[in-house]
Amino acid sequence: MTGTGIIPKIPLGDGVEALVDGIDTYFGWLLDAISGFIDIFIKSLQAVLLFIPPLLMILIIAALGWYVSRKNNISGILIAAGLFLILNLNLWNESMQTLALVITASIIALIIGIPVGIWASSSDIANSITRPFLDLMQTMPSFVYLIPAVIFFGLGNVPGVIATIIFAMPPAIRLTNLGIRQVPLELNEVADSFGATSRQKLFKVQLPVALPTIMTGVNQCILLALSMTVIASMIGAAGLGLNVLYGIQRVDIGGGFEAGLAIVIIAIILDRITQNLIKS
C-alpha cells in the first residue's frame, strides 16, 4: 500500500533520485574536478606530515601548544606526553592521516562557512535564507551525509572529507553571524561617522571585535570534523577511524580502545590549542 490509502504517496524519493541523476549527468565534470583537487590536497598534506620525523613533529606541536598557552610548561609537557603515547602505540601514521583529513575538511569548511556567516550577518533576509539549511544540517543524522558523498564521489578519503565538511560547517556560519551581529551599535555608528565603507567597517571594526566568537566557531568546526572521522571510515576514509571500525567489526576491544584513545588525545590537543588562540 502506498501513502495512507486515501492520499497517494508523495514521490519524494523518486524526486531525489532524479535530482541526483541530473547532477551527476550535467555536473559530473565539476564533481570530478573537486574530487581531484581534494584528493591531491589530502595526499600532499599526508605526505608532508609523514615526511617529518615523529619526534620532530612532537616537538613542533608541543612547542606550539606551549607558546599559545602563554608559555605554560604544563601544557607543552602534556601535549608531548600524549603524542609520545600515540607513537608508542604504533598509531603515528594513522594519526597523521586523520590529522590531514581533519585539517583539509576544516580549512574548506571555514573558507566556505565564514564568508557565508558574514553574508548572513549583513541582512535579515540572508539570515532567514541560511537558517533553515543550518537547522537541517545540524539535525540530520551524521550517517545520512555518507549517502550523497558516496553517490557523487565513490569510496575513499574524498567522500569522507566532503561528508565531514558538511557536518562541521554550521558552527562556523552560525558563530560568525552571531559575532558580527553582537558588535555594539556604537562602534558601527562611529565607523559610519568617520566615513568608513562597508568593507572598511567589516575588516577594521566588526571582524576584530567578533574575532573571539568566530574563533569559537573555528574550534567547534575542527572538533566536529575530528568526531566525524570514525563515521567517515565507513566509506573508506583512512586513519584512526578505520582502526576503530576494524575493532568493532572484529570485536578487537584492545585495538579499538587504543585507536579511540588516540582520537581523544588529538581532540584534546586541538581543543587546547584553538581555545588558547581564542584567549590570546
Protein backbone atom coordinates (compact mmCIF):
# COMPACT_ATOMS: atom_id res chain seq x y z
CA MET A 1 0.00 0.00 0.00
CA THR A 2 1.27 3.42 -0.87
CA GLY A 3 0.61 6.57 1.08
CA THR A 4 -2.19 6.49 3.62
CA GLY A 5 -4.57 4.51 1.43
CA ILE A 6 -6.53 7.70 0.72
CA ILE A 7 -3.80 10.09 -0.36
CA PRO A 8 -1.18 8.68 -2.76
CA LYS A 9 2.38 8.58 -1.51
CA ILE A 10 4.37 11.67 -2.42
CA PRO A 11 7.20 10.53 -4.75
CA LEU A 12 9.84 12.30 -2.69
CA GLY A 13 12.41 9.53 -3.03
CA ASP A 14 11.93 9.38 -6.80
CA GLY A 15 12.41 13.12 -7.00
CA VAL A 16 15.66 12.93 -5.04
CA GLU A 17 16.93 10.13 -7.29
CA ALA A 18 16.09 12.21 -10.38
CA LEU A 19 17.89 15.20 -8.89
CA VAL A 20 20.98 13.11 -8.12
CA ASP A 21 20.98 11.65 -11.63
CA GLY A 22 20.68 15.13 -13.12
CA ILE A 23 23.57 16.49 -11.03
CA ASP A 24 25.71 13.51 -11.95
CA THR A 25 24.88 13.90 -15.65
CA TYR A 26 25.28 17.65 -16.08
CA PHE A 27 27.83 18.47 -13.38
CA GLY A 28 29.93 15.32 -13.38
CA TRP A 29 32.90 17.27 -14.72
CA LEU A 30 32.71 19.68 -11.77
CA LEU A 31 32.45 16.85 -9.26
CA ASP A 32 35.49 15.20 -10.85
CA ALA A 33 37.45 18.45 -10.62
CA ILE A 34 36.51 18.92 -6.95
CA SER A 35 37.37 15.29 -6.20
CA GLY A 36 40.74 15.59 -7.91
CA PHE A 37 41.66 18.80 -6.10
CA ILE A 38 40.71 17.47 -2.66
CA ASP A 39 42.48 14.16 -3.30
CA ILE A 40 45.72 15.93 -4.29
CA PHE A 41 45.49 18.24 -1.27
CA ILE A 42 44.94 15.35 1.17
CA LYS A 43 47.76 13.25 -0.27
CA SER A 44 50.15 16.19 -0.27
CA LEU A 45 49.33 17.08 3.32
CA GLN A 46 49.64 13.46 4.44
CA ALA A 47 52.99 13.20 2.67
CA VAL A 48 54.28 16.30 4.47
CA LEU A 49 53.05 15.15 7.89
CA LEU A 50 54.52 11.67 7.43
CA PHE A 51 57.79 13.03 6.00
CA ILE A 52 58.54 14.94 9.19
CA PRO A 53 60.16 12.58 11.77
CA PRO A 54 57.73 11.78 14.60
CA LEU A 55 59.99 13.16 17.34
CA LEU A 56 60.41 16.42 15.47
CA MET A 57 56.65 16.65 14.87
CA ILE A 58 56.01 16.05 18.57
CA LEU A 59 58.46 18.83 19.41
CA ILE A 60 56.80 21.22 16.94
CA ILE A 61 53.24 20.57 18.18
CA ALA A 62 54.30 20.69 21.85
CA ALA A 63 56.15 23.98 21.24
CA LEU A 64 53.08 25.41 19.50
CA GLY A 65 50.87 24.36 22.42
CA TRP A 66 53.37 25.82 24.89
CA TYR A 67 53.53 29.13 23.00
CA VAL A 68 49.80 29.70 22.52
CA SER A 69 49.15 28.77 26.17
CA ARG A 70 51.29 31.80 27.14
CA LYS A 71 54.36 29.64 27.68
CA ASN A 72 52.69 27.30 30.14
CA ASN A 73 55.17 24.46 30.62
CA ILE A 74 52.48 22.04 31.82
CA SER A 75 50.58 22.37 28.53
CA GLY A 76 53.66 21.63 26.46
CA ILE A 77 54.57 18.62 28.60
CA LEU A 78 51.06 17.15 28.47
CA ILE A 79 50.85 17.59 24.69
CA ALA A 80 54.23 15.91 24.24
CA ALA A 81 53.21 13.07 26.58
CA GLY A 82 50.00 12.46 24.66
CA LEU A 83 51.79 12.37 21.31
CA PHE A 84 54.50 10.08 22.71
CA LEU A 85 51.76 7.69 23.80
CA ILE A 86 50.33 7.66 20.28
CA LEU A 87 53.80 6.95 18.91
CA ASN A 88 54.31 4.17 21.45
CA LEU A 89 51.00 2.55 20.41
CA ASN A 90 52.26 2.37 16.80
CA LEU A 91 49.41 4.62 15.65
CA TRP A 92 51.52 7.52 14.42
CA ASN A 93 50.89 7.04 10.68
CA GLU A 94 47.16 6.63 11.20
CA SER A 95 47.12 9.72 13.43
CA MET A 96 48.82 11.82 10.76
CA GLN A 97 46.34 10.54 8.17
CA THR A 98 43.48 11.53 10.45
CA LEU A 99 45.06 14.93 11.11
CA ALA A 100 45.40 15.52 7.36
CA LEU A 101 41.72 14.72 6.82
CA VAL A 102 40.66 16.97 9.70
CA ILE A 103 42.84 19.87 8.52
CA THR A 104 41.60 19.54 4.94
CA ALA A 105 37.93 19.38 5.92
CA SER A 106 38.29 22.23 8.45
CA ILE A 107 40.06 24.55 6.01
CA ILE A 108 37.45 24.04 3.30
CA ALA A 109 34.57 24.32 5.81
CA LEU A 110 35.97 27.60 7.16
CA ILE A 111 36.69 29.00 3.69
CA ILE A 112 33.02 28.46 2.86
CA GLY A 113 31.48 28.95 6.30
CA ILE A 114 33.00 32.26 7.43
CA PRO A 115 32.02 34.20 4.25
CA VAL A 116 28.52 32.70 4.43
CA GLY A 117 28.32 33.80 8.07
CA ILE A 118 29.41 37.31 7.09
CA TRP A 119 26.75 37.34 4.38
CA ALA A 120 24.10 36.12 6.83
CA SER A 121 25.04 38.89 9.26
CA SER A 122 24.70 41.55 6.58
CA SER A 123 20.91 41.29 6.27
CA ASP A 124 17.93 39.65 7.90
CA ILE A 125 16.89 38.19 4.55
CA ALA A 126 20.22 36.38 4.17
CA ASN A 127 19.94 35.18 7.74
CA SER A 128 16.44 33.83 7.06
CA ILE A 129 17.70 32.02 3.97
CA THR A 130 20.62 30.31 5.69
CA ARG A 131 18.86 29.39 8.94
CA PRO A 132 16.68 26.53 7.60
CA PHE A 133 19.68 24.96 5.85
CA LEU A 134 21.77 25.18 9.02
CA ASP A 135 18.94 23.67 11.07
CA LEU A 136 18.74 20.81 8.59
CA MET A 137 22.50 20.27 8.56
CA GLN A 138 22.70 20.20 12.35
CA THR A 139 19.70 17.94 12.96
CA MET A 140 20.37 15.46 10.15
CA PRO A 141 21.89 12.19 11.47
CA SER A 142 25.57 12.15 10.60
CA PHE A 143 25.29 8.82 8.79
CA VAL A 144 22.95 10.41 6.25
CA TYR A 145 25.79 12.61 4.98
CA LEU A 146 27.55 9.50 3.74
CA ILE A 147 24.85 8.73 1.16
CA PRO A 148 25.31 11.71 -1.22
CA ALA A 149 29.07 11.65 -0.62
CA VAL A 150 29.29 8.04 -1.84
CA ILE A 151 26.90 8.66 -4.73
CA PHE A 152 28.85 11.61 -6.11
CA PHE A 153 32.43 10.76 -5.08
CA GLY A 154 32.59 6.98 -4.59
CA LEU A 155 34.62 5.50 -1.75
CA GLY A 156 37.83 6.76 -0.14
CA ASN A 157 39.18 9.86 1.52
CA VAL A 158 37.42 12.38 -0.72
CA PRO A 159 33.81 11.43 0.13
CA GLY A 160 34.84 11.21 3.78
CA VAL A 161 36.13 14.78 3.64
CA ILE A 162 33.03 16.01 1.78
CA ALA A 163 30.71 14.50 4.41
CA THR A 164 32.91 15.96 7.15
CA ILE A 165 32.80 19.43 5.59
CA ILE A 166 29.00 19.45 5.56
CA PHE A 167 28.85 18.11 9.11
CA ALA A 168 31.39 20.58 10.54
CA MET A 169 30.41 23.77 8.71
CA PRO A 170 27.29 25.01 10.60
CA PRO A 171 29.07 26.24 13.78
CA ALA A 172 31.43 28.39 11.70
CA ILE A 173 28.48 30.00 9.90
CA ARG A 174 26.33 30.49 12.98
CA LEU A 175 29.04 31.90 15.26
CA THR A 176 30.44 34.21 12.57
CA ASN A 177 26.93 35.55 12.05
CA LEU A 178 26.35 35.85 15.79
CA GLY A 179 29.70 37.51 16.48
CA ILE A 180 29.21 40.24 13.89
CA ARG A 181 25.61 40.86 14.94
CA GLN A 182 26.76 41.31 18.55
CA VAL A 183 29.19 44.12 17.66
CA PRO A 184 27.99 47.14 19.70
CA LEU A 185 25.88 49.56 17.70
CA GLU A 186 28.01 52.44 18.92
CA LEU A 187 31.10 51.06 17.17
CA ASN A 188 29.24 50.75 13.89
CA GLU A 189 27.94 54.30 14.24
CA VAL A 190 31.47 55.60 14.94
CA ALA A 191 32.75 53.84 11.80
CA ASP A 192 29.91 55.33 9.76
CA SER A 193 30.54 58.80 11.16
CA PHE A 194 34.17 58.63 10.01
CA GLY A 195 33.01 57.73 6.51
CA ALA A 196 34.15 54.10 6.53
CA THR A 197 32.97 51.98 3.63
CA SER A 198 31.18 48.69 4.25
CA ARG A 199 34.39 46.80 3.54
CA GLN A 200 36.44 49.00 5.89
CA LYS A 201 33.85 48.68 8.64
CA LEU A 202 33.81 44.90 8.24
CA PHE A 203 37.58 44.37 8.33
CA LYS A 204 38.58 47.12 10.76
CA VAL A 205 35.68 47.11 13.22
CA GLN A 206 33.30 44.17 13.01
CA LEU A 207 35.66 41.25 12.41
CA PRO A 208 38.24 42.29 15.06
CA VAL A 209 35.50 42.73 17.68
CA ALA A 210 33.76 39.49 16.67
CA LEU A 211 37.01 37.51 16.47
CA PRO A 212 36.63 35.65 19.82
CA THR A 213 33.19 34.40 18.81
CA ILE A 214 34.41 33.50 15.32
CA MET A 215 37.34 31.59 16.80
CA THR A 216 34.91 29.64 18.97
CA GLY A 217 33.21 28.62 15.73
CA VAL A 218 36.59 27.59 14.34
CA ASN A 219 37.20 25.49 17.44
CA GLN A 220 33.83 23.76 17.14
CA CYS A 221 34.33 23.20 13.42
CA ILE A 222 37.66 21.42 14.00
CA LEU A 223 36.30 19.23 16.80
CA LEU A 224 33.23 18.24 14.78
CA ALA A 225 35.49 17.37 11.86
CA LEU A 226 37.52 15.11 14.12
CA SER A 227 34.40 13.49 15.58
CA MET A 228 33.32 12.58 12.05
CA THR A 229 36.47 10.55 11.32
CA VAL A 230 35.08 7.29 12.69
CA ILE A 231 31.86 7.63 10.71
CA ALA A 232 33.76 8.67 7.55
CA SER A 233 35.83 5.49 7.84
CA MET A 234 32.69 3.55 6.89
CA ILE A 235 33.10 4.86 3.34
CA GLY A 236 36.83 4.28 3.12
CA ALA A 237 38.39 7.33 4.82
CA ALA A 238 41.81 6.34 6.16
CA GLY A 239 43.21 7.00 9.61
CA LEU A 240 42.31 6.18 13.18
CA GLY A 241 38.61 5.88 12.37
CA LEU A 242 39.39 2.84 10.24
CA ASN A 243 41.16 1.23 13.20
CA VAL A 244 38.11 1.85 15.39
CA LEU A 245 35.86 0.39 12.70
CA TYR A 246 38.04 -2.72 12.42
CA GLY A 247 37.97 -3.03 16.20
CA ILE A 248 34.17 -3.03 16.14
CA GLN A 249 33.92 -5.48 13.25
CA ARG A 250 36.44 -7.92 14.71
CA VAL A 251 35.44 -7.38 18.35
CA ASP A 252 39.03 -6.29 18.97
CA ILE A 253 38.43 -4.40 22.19
CA GLY A 254 42.09 -3.53 22.77
CA GLY A 255 42.80 -2.27 19.26
CA GLY A 256 39.58 -0.26 19.12
CA PHE A 257 40.27 1.29 22.52
CA GLU A 258 43.81 2.31 21.56
CA ALA A 259 42.61 3.97 18.34
CA GLY A 260 39.78 5.67 20.20
CA LEU A 261 42.21 6.92 22.84
CA ALA A 262 44.45 8.36 20.12
CA ILE A 263 41.46 10.23 18.67
CA VAL A 264 40.66 11.62 22.13
CA ILE A 265 44.27 12.77 22.59
CA ILE A 266 44.29 14.55 19.23
CA ALA A 267 40.91 16.13 20.04
CA ILE A 268 42.16 17.45 23.39
CA ILE A 269 45.34 18.84 21.81
CA LEU A 270 43.43 20.60 19.01
CA ASP A 271 40.88 21.92 21.50
CA ARG A 272 43.52 23.31 23.86
CA ILE A 273 45.49 24.96 21.06
CA THR A 274 42.44 26.61 19.50
CA GLN A 275 40.99 27.61 22.88
CA ASN A 276 44.25 29.33 23.81
CA LEU A 277 44.25 31.08 20.43
CA ILE A 278 40.80 32.44 21.31
CA LYS A 279 42.06 33.76 24.67
CA SER A 280 45.12 35.34 23.11
